[in-house]
Amino acid sequence: MPSNSADKIAADLAKARSELTDAVVDLENYLKPKQVASRGVQKVTDFFLDEKGQIRPERAAIAGAAILGLIGLLTRDRD
């Protein structure tokens, strides 16, 4: 079983430390509130707009109906 030299082990540790640091920085950037919000807005935009930037009427109608239904549930009398 070959043994690693101290220099090789130190180099491997330095490489692993650097990769871990980069991964943590990437994760921090991914989790920044501004980035999370931006991704959310993009998902909503992609859902309601087609590839030409036009509104998808069927999806807008479904969302509108869902909102009206929610308002109806929230405002109904609870006797």
Protein backbone atom coordinates (compact mmCIF):
# COMPACT_ATOMS: atom_id res chain seq x y z
CA MET A 1 0.00 0.00 0.00
CA PRO A 2 1.73 3.20 -1.11
CA SER A 3 1.93 6.00 1.42
CA ASN A 4 1.42 9.66 0.57
CA SER A 5 4.13 12.12 1.33
CA ALA A 6 3.46 14.93 3.76
CA ASP A 7 3.60 17.42 0.89
CA LYS A 8 0.99 15.48 -1.09
CA ILE A 9 -1.32 15.26 1.92
CA ALA A 10 -0.89 18.99 2.61
CA ALA A 11 -1.65 19.79 -1.05
CA ASP A 12 -4.76 17.58 -0.97
CA LEU A 13 -5.96 19.27 2.21
CA ALA A 14 -5.36 22.73 0.75
CA LYS A 15 -7.30 21.77 -2.39
CA ALA A 16 -10.20 20.36 -0.35
CA ARG A 17 -10.25 23.47 1.86
CA SER A 18 -10.34 25.72 -1.21
CA GLU A 19 -13.18 23.72 -2.78
CA LEU A 20 -15.14 23.79 0.46
CA THR A 21 -14.64 27.55 0.78
CA ASP A 22 -15.87 28.05 -2.79
CA ALA A 23 -18.92 25.87 -2.12
CA VAL A 24 -19.79 27.85 1.02
CA VAL A 25 -19.44 31.16 -0.84
CA ASP A 26 -21.68 29.85 -3.65
CA LEU A 27 -24.26 28.71 -1.09
CA GLU A 28 -24.18 32.08 0.68
CA ASN A 29 -24.78 33.85 -2.63
CA TYR A 30 -27.59 31.45 -3.53
CA LEU A 31 -29.35 32.07 -0.20
CA LYS A 32 -29.13 35.88 -0.17
CA PRO A 33 -32.67 37.26 0.15
CA LYS A 34 -32.28 39.38 -2.98
CA GLN A 35 -31.27 36.32 -4.99
CA VAL A 36 -34.10 34.21 -3.58
CA ALA A 37 -36.61 36.95 -4.43
CA SER A 38 -35.17 37.33 -7.91
CA ARG A 39 -35.55 33.62 -8.60
CA GLY A 40 -39.13 33.72 -7.30
CA VAL A 41 -40.05 36.64 -9.53
CA GLN A 42 -38.47 34.88 -12.50
CA LYS A 43 -40.49 31.72 -11.83
CA VAL A 44 -43.74 33.69 -11.66
CA THR A 45 -42.84 35.59 -14.82
CA ASP A 46 -42.02 32.37 -16.63
CA PHE A 47 -45.32 30.87 -15.51
CA PHE A 48 -47.50 33.75 -16.73
CA LEU A 49 -45.58 34.76 -19.87
CA ASP A 50 -44.82 32.69 -22.94
CA GLU A 51 -41.50 32.68 -24.80
CA LYS A 52 -42.56 35.81 -26.72
CA GLY A 53 -43.33 37.74 -23.53
CA GLN A 54 -47.09 37.57 -24.07
CA ILE A 55 -49.46 36.81 -21.20
CA ARG A 56 -50.81 33.26 -21.14
CA PRO A 57 -54.54 34.00 -20.69
CA GLU A 58 -55.44 30.50 -19.46
CA ARG A 59 -52.93 30.76 -16.62
CA ALA A 60 -53.97 34.29 -15.73
CA ALA A 61 -57.62 33.17 -15.62
CA ILE A 62 -56.81 30.24 -13.36
CA ALA A 63 -54.82 32.47 -11.00
CA GLY A 64 -57.63 35.05 -10.96
CA ALA A 65 -60.22 32.41 -10.16
CA ALA A 66 -58.04 31.04 -7.38
CA ILE A 67 -57.62 34.51 -5.87
CA LEU A 68 -61.36 35.19 -6.04
CA GLY A 69 -62.06 31.82 -4.41
CA LEU A 70 -59.60 32.57 -1.63
CA ILE A 71 -61.14 35.98 -1.04
CA GLY A 72 -64.55 34.35 -0.93
CA LEU A 73 -63.40 31.84 1.66
CA LEU A 74 -61.76 34.48 3.80
CA THR A 75 -64.71 36.87 3.76
CA ARG A 76 -67.62 34.47 4.17
CA ASP A 77 -69.74 34.70 7.31
CA ARG A 78 -68.79 32.20 9.97
CA ASP A 79 -72.11 31.63 11.74
